[in-house]
PDB file of N, CA and C in Angstrom:
ATOM      1  N   MET A   1       5.986   1.791   4.765  1.00  0.00           N
ATOM      2  CA  MET A   1       5.982   2.443   3.491  1.00  0.00           C
ATOM      3  C   MET A   1       6.348   3.908   3.630  1.00  0.00           C
ATOM      4  N   ARG A   2       5.877   4.531   4.675  1.00  0.00           N
ATOM      5  CA  ARG A   2       6.181   5.952   4.839  1.00  0.00           C
ATOM      6  C   ARG A   2       7.684   6.176   4.947  1.00  0.00           C
ATOM      7  N   ARG A   3       8.367   5.312   5.709  1.00  0.00           N
ATOM      8  CA  ARG A   3       9.817   5.447   5.834  1.00  0.00           C
ATOM      9  C   ARG A   3      10.511   5.153   4.516  1.00  0.00           C
ATOM     10  N   TYR A   4      10.047   4.140   3.808  1.00  0.00           N
ATOM     11  CA  TYR A   4      10.669   3.743   2.547  1.00  0.00           C
ATOM     12  C   TYR A   4      10.497   4.830   1.493  1.00  0.00           C
ATOM     13  N   ALA A   5       9.307   5.336   1.342  1.00  0.00           N
ATOM     14  CA  ALA A   5       9.014   6.320   0.297  1.00  0.00           C
ATOM     15  C   ALA A   5       9.298   7.753   0.742  1.00  0.00           C
ATOM     16  N   ARG A   6       9.460   7.932   2.059  1.00  0.00           N
ATOM     17  CA  ARG A   6       9.696   9.256   2.628  1.00  0.00           C
ATOM     18  C   ARG A   6       8.571  10.237   2.305  1.00  0.00           C
ATOM     19  N   ARG A   7       7.360   9.705   2.292  1.00  0.00           N
ATOM     20  CA  ARG A   7       6.163  10.521   2.068  1.00  0.00           C
ATOM     21  C   ARG A   7       5.048   9.994   2.950  1.00  0.00           C
ATOM     22  N   GLU A   8       4.115  10.856   3.248  1.00  0.00           N
ATOM     23  CA  GLU A   8       2.975  10.444   4.061  1.00  0.00           C
ATOM     24  C   GLU A   8       2.073   9.480   3.297  1.00  0.00           C
ATOM     25  N   THR A   9       1.732   9.813   2.077  1.00  0.00           N
ATOM     26  CA  THR A   9       0.904   8.934   1.252  1.00  0.00           C
ATOM     27  C   THR A   9       1.528   8.825  -0.140  1.00  0.00           C
ATOM     28  N   PRO A  10       2.434   7.863  -0.311  1.00  0.00           N
ATOM     29  CA  PRO A  10       3.087   7.707  -1.610  1.00  0.00           C
ATOM     30  C   PRO A  10       2.119   7.225  -2.689  1.00  0.00           C
ATOM     31  N   ALA A  11       2.481   7.463  -3.938  1.00  0.00           N
ATOM     32  CA  ALA A  11       1.668   7.019  -5.065  1.00  0.00           C
ATOM     33  C   ALA A  11       1.569   5.494  -5.071  1.00  0.00           C
ATOM     34  N   VAL A  12       0.498   4.988  -5.643  1.00  0.00           N
ATOM     35  CA  VAL A  12       0.273   3.542  -5.686  1.00  0.00           C
ATOM     36  C   VAL A  12       1.457   2.832  -6.336  1.00  0.00           C
ATOM     37  N   ALA A  13       1.963   3.374  -7.423  1.00  0.00           N
ATOM     38  CA  ALA A  13       3.099   2.743  -8.100  1.00  0.00           C
ATOM     39  C   ALA A  13       4.308   2.642  -7.174  1.00  0.00           C
ATOM     40  N   THR A  14       4.522   3.659  -6.351  1.00  0.00           N
ATOM     41  CA  THR A  14       5.632   3.636  -5.395  1.00  0.00           C
ATOM     42  C   THR A  14       5.423   2.561  -4.349  1.00  0.00           C
ATOM     43  N   VAL A  15       4.207   2.425  -3.876  1.00  0.00           N
ATOM     44  CA  VAL A  15       3.903   1.412  -2.870  1.00  0.00           C
ATOM     45  C   VAL A  15       4.075   0.005  -3.459  1.00  0.00           C
ATOM     46  N   LEU A  16       3.634  -0.194  -4.695  1.00  0.00           N
ATOM     47  CA  LEU A  16       3.799  -1.498  -5.338  1.00  0.00           C
ATOM     48  C   LEU A  16       5.277  -1.835  -5.505  1.00  0.00           C
ATOM     49  N   TYR A  17       6.062  -0.882  -5.946  1.00  0.00           N
ATOM     50  CA  TYR A  17       7.497  -1.090  -6.117  1.00  0.00           C
ATOM     51  C   TYR A  17       8.152  -1.395  -4.766  1.00  0.00           C
ATOM     52  N   ALA A  18       7.837  -0.585  -3.769  1.00  0.00           N
ATOM     53  CA  ALA A  18       8.418  -0.776  -2.442  1.00  0.00           C
ATOM     54  C   ALA A  18       8.016  -2.126  -1.860  1.00  0.00           C
ATOM     55  N   GLY A  19       6.787  -2.533  -2.079  1.00  0.00           N
ATOM     56  CA  GLY A  19       6.333  -3.827  -1.582  1.00  0.00           C
ATOM     57  C   GLY A  19       7.166  -4.972  -2.135  1.00  0.00           C
ATOM     58  N   MET A  20       7.488  -4.912  -3.413  1.00  0.00           N
ATOM     59  CA  MET A  20       8.329  -5.949  -4.012  1.00  0.00           C
ATOM     60  C   MET A  20       9.762  -5.859  -3.488  1.00  0.00           C
ATOM     61  N   GLU A  21      10.278  -4.655  -3.379  1.00  0.00           N
ATOM     62  CA  GLU A  21      11.647  -4.459  -2.877  1.00  0.00           C
ATOM     63  C   GLU A  21      11.794  -4.943  -1.430  1.00  0.00           C
ATOM     64  N   LEU A  22      10.740  -4.770  -0.646  1.00  0.00           N
ATOM     65  CA  LEU A  22      10.779  -5.155   0.768  1.00  0.00           C
ATOM     66  C   LEU A  22      10.343  -6.601   1.000  1.00  0.00           C
ATOM     67  N   GLY A  23      10.068  -7.327  -0.076  1.00  0.00           N
ATOM     68  CA  GLY A  23       9.696  -8.737   0.062  1.00  0.00           C
ATOM     69  C   GLY A  23       8.278  -8.946   0.564  1.00  0.00           C
ATOM     70  N   ARG A  24       7.359  -8.098   0.140  1.00  0.00           N
ATOM     71  CA  ARG A  24       5.946  -8.196   0.544  1.00  0.00           C
ATOM     72  C   ARG A  24       5.056  -8.405  -0.674  1.00  0.00           C
ATOM     73  N   PRO A  25       5.211  -9.528  -1.381  1.00  0.00           N
ATOM     74  CA  PRO A  25       4.420  -9.735  -2.593  1.00  0.00           C
ATOM     75  C   PRO A  25       2.919  -9.817  -2.336  1.00  0.00           C
ATOM     76  N   ALA A  26       2.508 -10.291  -1.175  1.00  0.00           N
ATOM     77  CA  ALA A  26       1.074 -10.363  -0.869  1.00  0.00           C
ATOM     78  C   ALA A  26       0.475  -8.962  -0.811  1.00  0.00           C
ATOM     79  N   LEU A  27       1.229  -8.008  -0.293  1.00  0.00           N
ATOM     80  CA  LEU A  27       0.780  -6.616  -0.262  1.00  0.00           C
ATOM     81  C   LEU A  27       0.573  -6.106  -1.681  1.00  0.00           C
ATOM     82  N   VAL A  28       1.527  -6.386  -2.552  1.00  0.00           N
ATOM     83  CA  VAL A  28       1.447  -5.929  -3.941  1.00  0.00           C
ATOM     84  C   VAL A  28       0.232  -6.531  -4.638  1.00  0.00           C
ATOM     85  N   VAL A  29       0.003  -7.805  -4.452  1.00  0.00           N
ATOM     86  CA  VAL A  29      -1.141  -8.478  -5.082  1.00  0.00           C
ATOM     87  C   VAL A  29      -2.443  -7.898  -4.566  1.00  0.00           C
ATOM     88  N   TRP A  30      -2.547  -7.673  -3.250  1.00  0.00           N
ATOM     89  CA  TRP A  30      -3.787  -7.136  -2.691  1.00  0.00           C
ATOM     90  C   TRP A  30      -4.061  -5.734  -3.223  1.00  0.00           C
ATOM     91  N   ILE A  31      -3.066  -4.863  -3.161  1.00  0.00           N
ATOM     92  CA  ILE A  31      -3.276  -3.488  -3.631  1.00  0.00           C
ATOM     93  C   ILE A  31      -3.633  -3.479  -5.103  1.00  0.00           C
ATOM     94  N   ASP A  32      -2.943  -4.273  -5.901  1.00  0.00           N
ATOM     95  CA  ASP A  32      -3.207  -4.305  -7.335  1.00  0.00           C
ATOM     96  C   ASP A  32      -4.637  -4.743  -7.630  1.00  0.00           C
ATOM     97  N   GLY A  33      -5.178  -5.620  -6.817  1.00  0.00           N
ATOM     98  CA  GLY A  33      -6.542  -6.102  -7.024  1.00  0.00           C
ATOM     99  C   GLY A  33      -7.617  -5.290  -6.329  1.00  0.00           C
ATOM    100  N   HIS A  34      -7.205  -4.368  -5.459  1.00  0.00           N
ATOM    101  CA  HIS A  34      -8.157  -3.595  -4.651  1.00  0.00           C
ATOM    102  C   HIS A  34      -7.768  -2.126  -4.597  1.00  0.00           C
ATOM    103  N   ARG A  35      -7.472  -1.547  -5.733  1.00  0.00           N
ATOM    104  CA  ARG A  35      -6.980  -0.160  -5.749  1.00  0.00           C
ATOM    105  C   ARG A  35      -7.981   0.830  -5.159  1.00  0.00           C
ATOM    106  N   SER A  36      -9.266   0.666  -5.454  1.00  0.00           N
ATOM    107  CA  SER A  36     -10.238   1.622  -4.908  1.00  0.00           C
ATOM    108  C   SER A  36     -10.348   1.486  -3.391  1.00  0.00           C
ATOM    109  N   GLU A  37     -10.311   0.249  -2.881  1.00  0.00           N
ATOM    110  CA  GLU A  37     -10.325   0.053  -1.430  1.00  0.00           C
ATOM    111  C   GLU A  37      -9.088   0.654  -0.784  1.00  0.00           C
ATOM    112  N   TYR A  38      -7.944   0.441  -1.422  1.00  0.00           N
ATOM    113  CA  TYR A  38      -6.689   0.981  -0.896  1.00  0.00           C
ATOM    114  C   TYR A  38      -6.764   2.506  -0.803  1.00  0.00           C
ATOM    115  N   GLY A  39      -7.229   3.143  -1.873  1.00  0.00           N
ATOM    116  CA  GLY A  39      -7.353   4.595  -1.874  1.00  0.00           C
ATOM    117  C   GLY A  39      -8.311   5.099  -0.810  1.00  0.00           C
ATOM    118  N   ARG A  40      -9.443   4.413  -0.672  1.00  0.00           N
ATOM    119  CA  ARG A  40     -10.424   4.804   0.345  1.00  0.00           C
ATOM    120  C   ARG A  40      -9.844   4.627   1.745  1.00  0.00           C
ATOM    121  N   ASP A  41      -9.136   3.520   1.954  1.00  0.00           N
ATOM    122  CA  ASP A  41      -8.569   3.257   3.273  1.00  0.00           C
ATOM    123  C   ASP A  41      -7.446   4.220   3.621  1.00  0.00           C
ATOM    124  N   LEU A  42      -6.739   4.744   2.605  1.00  0.00           N
ATOM    125  CA  LEU A  42      -5.741   5.778   2.888  1.00  0.00           C
ATOM    126  C   LEU A  42      -6.409   7.002   3.500  1.00  0.00           C
ATOM    127  N   LEU A  43      -7.585   7.323   3.008  1.00  0.00           N
ATOM    128  CA  LEU A  43      -8.301   8.495   3.510  1.00  0.00           C
ATOM    129  C   LEU A  43      -9.001   8.233   4.838  1.00  0.00           C
ATOM    130  N   ASP A  44      -9.628   7.054   4.950  1.00  0.00           N
ATOM    131  CA  ASP A  44     -10.435   6.742   6.136  1.00  0.00           C
ATOM    132  C   ASP A  44      -9.669   6.014   7.235  1.00  0.00           C
ATOM    133  N   GLY A  45      -8.549   5.418   6.881  1.00  0.00           N
ATOM    134  CA  GLY A  45      -7.782   4.623   7.846  1.00  0.00           C
ATOM    135  C   GLY A  45      -8.036   3.151   7.621  1.00  0.00           C
ATOM    136  N   PHE A  46      -7.028   2.370   7.836  1.00  0.00           N
ATOM    137  CA  PHE A  46      -7.127   0.919   7.656  1.00  0.00           C
ATOM    138  C   PHE A  46      -7.606   0.270   8.944  1.00  0.00           C
ATOM    139  N   GLU A  47      -8.329  -0.817   8.800  1.00  0.00           N
ATOM    140  CA  GLU A  47      -8.805  -1.564   9.956  1.00  0.00           C
ATOM    141  C   GLU A  47      -8.264  -2.967   9.860  1.00  0.00           C
ATOM    142  N   ALA A  48      -7.612  -3.412  10.919  1.00  0.00           N
ATOM    143  CA  ALA A  48      -7.019  -4.755  10.951  1.00  0.00           C
ATOM    144  C   ALA A  48      -8.115  -5.816  10.997  1.00  0.00           C
ATOM    145  N   GLU A  49      -7.860  -6.917  10.311  1.00  0.00           N
ATOM    146  CA  GLU A  49      -8.766  -8.062  10.355  1.00  0.00           C
ATOM    147  C   GLU A  49      -8.179  -9.129  11.250  1.00  0.00           C
ATOM    148  N   ASP A  50      -9.032  -9.906  11.870  1.00  0.00           N
ATOM    149  CA  ASP A  50      -8.560 -11.011  12.723  1.00  0.00           C
ATOM    150  C   ASP A  50      -8.201 -12.210  11.891  1.00  0.00           C
TER     151      ASP A  50
END
């Protein structure tokens, strides 16, 4: 996303648009349903799940 948007932390709308453009609909659905988690994880860092 950083390369696509050319920003360190692009706006949510930009990430949703880029996700669809890049063929990542699951990303778009998750962010749309978990906006507060997404925002918090931008600040705290994301943790991969197994």
